[in-house]
Amino acid sequence: MASLQPIRAGRPVVSEETLLAQANDLIVRGFELQDLQSLDDLERWDDEVNDILSLINDQVLNAGLASPGLKRRIECLLELYVAVLASVSELQQSRKAQATDLRQQRRMIVG
C-alpha cells in the first residue's frame, strides 16, 4: 500500500459518512465485477478504488477519521481489490489460451 500523503492543495474535506457510502458502493460493485468478463469495467473499478483509498488516506491524516466502520471497509476493499486483480489475471490468461486454441485450429484447417 502507498505511503501516507497529506491532502493535496484544493482537495475538499469529505465527511466520513460520504466515504463510508462510497466505499460500500465500491465493495458491492467489486463483488459483482468478479463474475463479469469486461476488463474495461474492472479497470474503471480499479481506478475508482485507488481514488477512494487515496481520499480516505488524506482524510485519515488530516481530519482524524479512523472509525472502526471505516477501517473495516478499507480492509474489505483491499481484500476485494486483491481478489479482483486475481480475476483479471485469470481472465487475461483464459483469453490468451482461447487465442492460442483458435490459432491452432486455423493451422489445422488451413493445413
N, C-alpha and C. Protein backbone atom coordinates (compact mmCIF):
# COMPACT_ATOMS: atom_id res chain seq x y z
N MET A 1 0.85 -1.17 0.00
CA MET A 1 0.00 0.00 0.00
C MET A 1 0.89 1.23 0.00
N ALA A 2 0.46 2.28 -0.66
CA ALA A 2 1.24 3.51 -0.77
C ALA A 2 1.40 4.16 0.60
N SER A 3 2.49 4.93 0.73
CA SER A 3 2.72 5.62 1.99
C SER A 3 1.71 6.75 2.15
N LEU A 4 1.47 7.14 3.37
CA LEU A 4 0.50 8.18 3.66
C LEU A 4 1.00 9.52 3.15
N GLN A 5 0.14 10.25 2.49
CA GLN A 5 0.47 11.55 1.92
C GLN A 5 -0.54 12.57 2.43
N PRO A 6 -0.13 13.81 2.63
CA PRO A 6 -1.08 14.83 3.07
C PRO A 6 -2.06 15.18 1.95
N ILE A 7 -3.18 15.82 2.34
CA ILE A 7 -4.19 16.23 1.37
C ILE A 7 -3.55 17.18 0.37
N ARG A 8 -3.83 16.94 -0.89
CA ARG A 8 -3.33 17.81 -1.95
C ARG A 8 -4.06 19.13 -1.89
N ALA A 9 -3.39 20.17 -2.31
CA ALA A 9 -3.98 21.51 -2.31
C ALA A 9 -5.30 21.51 -3.08
N GLY A 10 -6.30 22.09 -2.50
CA GLY A 10 -7.58 22.22 -3.17
C GLY A 10 -8.50 21.02 -3.01
N ARG A 11 -8.05 19.97 -2.37
CA ARG A 11 -8.90 18.79 -2.19
C ARG A 11 -9.79 19.03 -0.98
N PRO A 12 -11.10 18.97 -1.17
CA PRO A 12 -12.02 19.26 -0.08
C PRO A 12 -12.07 18.14 0.96
N VAL A 13 -12.44 18.52 2.17
CA VAL A 13 -12.64 17.53 3.22
C VAL A 13 -14.00 16.87 2.96
N VAL A 14 -14.02 15.55 3.04
CA VAL A 14 -15.23 14.78 2.77
C VAL A 14 -15.66 14.14 4.07
N SER A 15 -16.97 14.13 4.32
CA SER A 15 -17.47 13.56 5.58
C SER A 15 -17.23 12.06 5.61
N GLU A 16 -17.12 11.54 6.81
CA GLU A 16 -16.91 10.11 6.97
C GLU A 16 -18.10 9.32 6.43
N GLU A 17 -19.30 9.84 6.59
CA GLU A 17 -20.48 9.16 6.07
C GLU A 17 -20.40 9.02 4.55
N THR A 18 -19.93 10.06 3.89
CA THR A 18 -19.78 10.02 2.43
C THR A 18 -18.74 8.98 2.04
N LEU A 19 -17.62 8.96 2.76
CA LEU A 19 -16.57 7.98 2.48
C LEU A 19 -17.08 6.56 2.70
N LEU A 20 -17.85 6.35 3.76
CA LEU A 20 -18.42 5.03 4.04
C LEU A 20 -19.36 4.60 2.92
N ALA A 21 -20.20 5.52 2.46
CA ALA A 21 -21.15 5.21 1.39
C ALA A 21 -20.42 4.88 0.10
N GLN A 22 -19.38 5.66 -0.23
CA GLN A 22 -18.62 5.40 -1.45
C GLN A 22 -17.88 4.07 -1.36
N ALA A 23 -17.31 3.78 -0.21
CA ALA A 23 -16.61 2.51 -0.03
C ALA A 23 -17.58 1.35 -0.15
N ASN A 24 -18.76 1.48 0.47
CA ASN A 24 -19.78 0.43 0.36
C ASN A 24 -20.16 0.18 -1.10
N ASP A 25 -20.36 1.25 -1.85
CA ASP A 25 -20.72 1.12 -3.26
C ASP A 25 -19.62 0.38 -4.03
N LEU A 26 -18.38 0.73 -3.78
CA LEU A 26 -17.27 0.07 -4.47
C LEU A 26 -17.15 -1.40 -4.08
N ILE A 27 -17.44 -1.71 -2.83
CA ILE A 27 -17.39 -3.10 -2.38
C ILE A 27 -18.46 -3.92 -3.11
N VAL A 28 -19.68 -3.39 -3.16
CA VAL A 28 -20.77 -4.10 -3.85
C VAL A 28 -20.42 -4.28 -5.32
N ARG A 29 -19.98 -3.22 -5.97
CA ARG A 29 -19.62 -3.32 -7.39
C ARG A 29 -18.45 -4.26 -7.62
N GLY A 30 -17.51 -4.29 -6.70
CA GLY A 30 -16.37 -5.19 -6.83
C GLY A 30 -16.78 -6.65 -6.80
N PHE A 31 -17.71 -6.99 -5.90
CA PHE A 31 -18.21 -8.37 -5.86
C PHE A 31 -18.92 -8.72 -7.16
N GLU A 32 -19.70 -7.77 -7.68
CA GLU A 32 -20.41 -8.02 -8.95
C GLU A 32 -19.44 -8.17 -10.11
N LEU A 33 -18.38 -7.40 -10.11
CA LEU A 33 -17.42 -7.42 -11.22
C LEU A 33 -16.60 -8.69 -11.28
N GLN A 34 -16.47 -9.40 -10.19
CA GLN A 34 -15.68 -10.63 -10.19
C GLN A 34 -16.24 -11.66 -11.17
N ASP A 35 -17.53 -11.58 -11.46
CA ASP A 35 -18.14 -12.55 -12.36
C ASP A 35 -18.27 -12.03 -13.79
N LEU A 36 -17.92 -10.78 -14.02
CA LEU A 36 -18.05 -10.21 -15.36
C LEU A 36 -16.84 -10.55 -16.22
N GLN A 37 -17.02 -10.39 -17.49
CA GLN A 37 -15.95 -10.67 -18.43
C GLN A 37 -15.42 -9.40 -19.07
N SER A 38 -15.62 -8.26 -18.46
CA SER A 38 -15.22 -6.98 -19.04
C SER A 38 -14.01 -6.40 -18.33
N LEU A 39 -12.90 -6.39 -19.02
CA LEU A 39 -11.70 -5.79 -18.44
C LEU A 39 -11.87 -4.28 -18.28
N ASP A 40 -12.63 -3.65 -19.17
CA ASP A 40 -12.85 -2.21 -19.06
C ASP A 40 -13.57 -1.86 -17.76
N ASP A 41 -14.61 -2.63 -17.43
CA ASP A 41 -15.34 -2.39 -16.17
C ASP A 41 -14.42 -2.61 -14.97
N LEU A 42 -13.62 -3.65 -15.02
CA LEU A 42 -12.70 -3.93 -13.92
C LEU A 42 -11.65 -2.83 -13.79
N GLU A 43 -11.17 -2.32 -14.90
CA GLU A 43 -10.17 -1.25 -14.85
C GLU A 43 -10.76 0.04 -14.31
N ARG A 44 -12.01 0.35 -14.70
CA ARG A 44 -12.68 1.54 -14.16
C ARG A 44 -12.85 1.40 -12.65
N TRP A 45 -13.28 0.22 -12.21
CA TRP A 45 -13.46 -0.02 -10.78
C TRP A 45 -12.12 0.12 -10.06
N ASP A 46 -11.07 -0.41 -10.64
CA ASP A 46 -9.73 -0.31 -10.07
C ASP A 46 -9.34 1.15 -9.88
N ASP A 47 -9.59 1.99 -10.88
CA ASP A 47 -9.28 3.41 -10.77
C ASP A 47 -10.09 4.06 -9.64
N GLU A 48 -11.36 3.70 -9.54
CA GLU A 48 -12.22 4.28 -8.50
C GLU A 48 -11.76 3.84 -7.11
N VAL A 49 -11.34 2.59 -6.97
CA VAL A 49 -10.84 2.13 -5.67
C VAL A 49 -9.58 2.90 -5.30
N ASN A 50 -8.69 3.08 -6.25
CA ASN A 50 -7.48 3.85 -5.97
C ASN A 50 -7.82 5.27 -5.54
N ASP A 51 -8.80 5.88 -6.21
CA ASP A 51 -9.21 7.25 -5.86
C ASP A 51 -9.78 7.32 -4.45
N ILE A 52 -10.70 6.40 -4.12
CA ILE A 52 -11.33 6.46 -2.80
C ILE A 52 -10.33 6.16 -1.70
N LEU A 53 -9.41 5.22 -1.93
CA LEU A 53 -8.41 4.92 -0.91
C LEU A 53 -7.47 6.10 -0.72
N SER A 54 -7.15 6.80 -1.78
CA SER A 54 -6.32 7.99 -1.68
C SER A 54 -7.05 9.07 -0.87
N LEU A 55 -8.34 9.25 -1.16
CA LEU A 55 -9.13 10.23 -0.44
C LEU A 55 -9.25 9.85 1.04
N ILE A 56 -9.52 8.60 1.32
CA ILE A 56 -9.61 8.15 2.71
C ILE A 56 -8.27 8.36 3.41
N ASN A 57 -7.19 8.04 2.73
CA ASN A 57 -5.85 8.24 3.27
C ASN A 57 -5.65 9.70 3.66
N ASP A 58 -6.02 10.61 2.76
CA ASP A 58 -5.89 12.03 3.06
C ASP A 58 -6.73 12.44 4.25
N GLN A 59 -7.96 11.94 4.30
CA GLN A 59 -8.88 12.31 5.37
C GLN A 59 -8.39 11.78 6.73
N VAL A 60 -7.86 10.57 6.73
CA VAL A 60 -7.37 9.99 7.98
C VAL A 60 -6.20 10.82 8.50
N LEU A 61 -5.32 11.22 7.60
CA LEU A 61 -4.17 12.02 8.01
C LEU A 61 -4.54 13.40 8.52
N ASN A 62 -5.47 14.04 7.84
CA ASN A 62 -5.72 15.45 8.11
C ASN A 62 -6.99 15.75 8.89
N ALA A 63 -7.94 14.85 8.88
CA ALA A 63 -9.19 15.12 9.59
C ALA A 63 -9.40 14.14 10.75
N GLY A 64 -8.49 13.21 10.92
CA GLY A 64 -8.57 12.29 12.03
C GLY A 64 -9.66 11.25 11.91
N LEU A 65 -10.14 11.00 10.71
CA LEU A 65 -11.18 9.98 10.53
C LEU A 65 -10.54 8.60 10.68
N ALA A 66 -11.05 7.84 11.60
CA ALA A 66 -10.50 6.49 11.78
C ALA A 66 -11.48 5.62 12.56
N SER A 67 -12.74 5.70 12.22
CA SER A 67 -13.74 4.91 12.92
C SER A 67 -13.57 3.43 12.59
N PRO A 68 -14.05 2.55 13.47
CA PRO A 68 -13.98 1.12 13.19
C PRO A 68 -14.70 0.75 11.89
N GLY A 69 -15.83 1.41 11.61
CA GLY A 69 -16.57 1.12 10.38
C GLY A 69 -15.75 1.45 9.14
N LEU A 70 -15.08 2.57 9.15
CA LEU A 70 -14.24 2.97 8.02
C LEU A 70 -13.06 2.02 7.87
N LYS A 71 -12.48 1.63 8.98
CA LYS A 71 -11.35 0.68 8.94
C LYS A 71 -11.79 -0.66 8.34
N ARG A 72 -12.98 -1.13 8.73
CA ARG A 72 -13.49 -2.40 8.18
C ARG A 72 -13.70 -2.31 6.68
N ARG A 73 -14.22 -1.19 6.23
CA ARG A 73 -14.45 -1.03 4.79
C ARG A 73 -13.14 -0.95 4.02
N ILE A 74 -12.15 -0.29 4.60
CA ILE A 74 -10.84 -0.24 3.95
C ILE A 74 -10.27 -1.65 3.83
N GLU A 75 -10.34 -2.42 4.90
CA GLU A 75 -9.85 -3.81 4.87
C GLU A 75 -10.59 -4.63 3.83
N CYS A 76 -11.91 -4.48 3.79
CA CYS A 76 -12.72 -5.23 2.82
C CYS A 76 -12.36 -4.81 1.40
N LEU A 77 -12.23 -3.51 1.18
CA LEU A 77 -11.86 -3.03 -0.16
C LEU A 77 -10.51 -3.59 -0.60
N LEU A 78 -9.56 -3.60 0.32
CA LEU A 78 -8.23 -4.10 -0.03
C LEU A 78 -8.26 -5.59 -0.35
N GLU A 79 -8.99 -6.37 0.44
CA GLU A 79 -9.10 -7.81 0.17
C GLU A 79 -9.81 -8.04 -1.16
N LEU A 80 -10.87 -7.29 -1.40
CA LEU A 80 -11.62 -7.42 -2.64
C LEU A 80 -10.77 -6.98 -3.83
N TYR A 81 -9.99 -5.95 -3.64
CA TYR A 81 -9.10 -5.45 -4.68
C TYR A 81 -8.14 -6.54 -5.13
N VAL A 82 -7.56 -7.25 -4.17
CA VAL A 82 -6.64 -8.35 -4.49
C VAL A 82 -7.39 -9.46 -5.23
N ALA A 83 -8.60 -9.77 -4.79
CA ALA A 83 -9.39 -10.81 -5.45
C ALA A 83 -9.75 -10.42 -6.88
N VAL A 84 -10.10 -9.16 -7.08
CA VAL A 84 -10.46 -8.70 -8.42
C VAL A 84 -9.23 -8.72 -9.32
N LEU A 85 -8.08 -8.34 -8.80
CA LEU A 85 -6.85 -8.42 -9.60
C LEU A 85 -6.57 -9.86 -10.02
N ALA A 86 -6.84 -10.79 -9.13
CA ALA A 86 -6.67 -12.21 -9.48
C ALA A 86 -7.67 -12.60 -10.58
N SER A 87 -8.89 -12.09 -10.50
CA SER A 87 -9.90 -12.36 -11.53
C SER A 87 -9.46 -11.80 -12.88
N VAL A 88 -8.89 -10.61 -12.86
CA VAL A 88 -8.39 -10.00 -14.10
C VAL A 88 -7.29 -10.86 -14.69
N SER A 89 -6.40 -11.31 -13.86
CA SER A 89 -5.30 -12.16 -14.33
C SER A 89 -5.83 -13.45 -14.94
N GLU A 90 -6.79 -14.07 -14.28
CA GLU A 90 -7.39 -15.30 -14.80
C GLU A 90 -8.09 -15.05 -16.13
N LEU A 91 -8.79 -13.94 -16.23
CA LEU A 91 -9.48 -13.60 -17.46
C LEU A 91 -8.48 -13.40 -18.60
N GLN A 92 -7.40 -12.70 -18.31
CA GLN A 92 -6.39 -12.48 -19.34
C GLN A 92 -5.76 -13.81 -19.78
N GLN A 93 -5.46 -14.69 -18.83
CA GLN A 93 -4.88 -15.99 -19.17
C GLN A 93 -5.86 -16.83 -19.99
N SER A 94 -7.12 -16.77 -19.63
CA SER A 94 -8.15 -17.51 -20.36
C SER A 94 -8.25 -17.02 -21.79
N ARG A 95 -8.21 -15.72 -21.97
CA ARG A 95 -8.28 -15.16 -23.32
C ARG A 95 -7.04 -15.53 -24.14
N LYS A 96 -5.89 -15.55 -23.50
CA LYS A 96 -4.68 -15.97 -24.21
C LYS A 96 -4.80 -17.42 -24.65
N ALA A 97 -5.29 -18.26 -23.78
CA ALA A 97 -5.46 -19.68 -24.10
C ALA A 97 -6.45 -19.85 -25.25
N GLN A 98 -7.54 -19.10 -25.23
CA GLN A 98 -8.52 -19.18 -26.30
C GLN A 98 -7.91 -18.73 -27.63
N ALA A 99 -7.13 -17.68 -27.60
CA ALA A 99 -6.48 -17.19 -28.83
C ALA A 99 -5.51 -18.24 -29.37
N THR A 100 -4.76 -18.89 -28.48
CA THR A 100 -3.84 -19.94 -28.89
C THR A 100 -4.60 -21.10 -29.51
N ASP A 101 -5.68 -21.50 -28.90
CA ASP A 101 -6.51 -22.59 -29.45
C ASP A 101 -7.05 -22.24 -30.83
N LEU A 102 -7.50 -21.02 -31.00
CA LEU A 102 -8.02 -20.60 -32.30
C LEU A 102 -6.93 -20.63 -33.37
N ARG A 103 -5.73 -20.18 -33.02
CA ARG A 103 -4.62 -20.23 -33.98
C ARG A 103 -4.30 -21.66 -34.38
N GLN A 104 -4.30 -22.56 -33.41
CA GLN A 104 -4.02 -23.97 -33.71
C GLN A 104 -5.11 -24.57 -34.59
N GLN A 105 -6.35 -24.23 -34.33
CA GLN A 105 -7.46 -24.74 -35.15
C GLN A 105 -7.35 -24.22 -36.59
N ARG A 106 -6.97 -22.95 -36.74
CA ARG A 106 -6.79 -22.39 -38.08
C ARG A 106 -5.69 -23.12 -38.84
N ARG A 107 -4.60 -23.41 -38.14
CA ARG A 107 -3.49 -24.11 -38.77
C ARG A 107 -3.93 -25.50 -39.25
N MET A 108 -4.71 -26.16 -38.41
CA MET A 108 -5.18 -27.50 -38.77
C MET A 108 -6.12 -27.41 -39.98
N ILE A 109 -6.97 -26.41 -40.03
CA ILE A 109 -7.91 -26.26 -41.13
C ILE A 109 -7.17 -25.90 -42.42
N VAL A 110 -6.26 -24.95 -42.32
CA VAL A 110 -5.51 -24.49 -43.49
C VAL A 110 -4.54 -25.57 -43.96
N GLY A 111 -4.00 -26.30 -43.04
CA GLY A 111 -3.13 -27.42 -43.38
C GLY A 111 -1.75 -27.03 -43.43
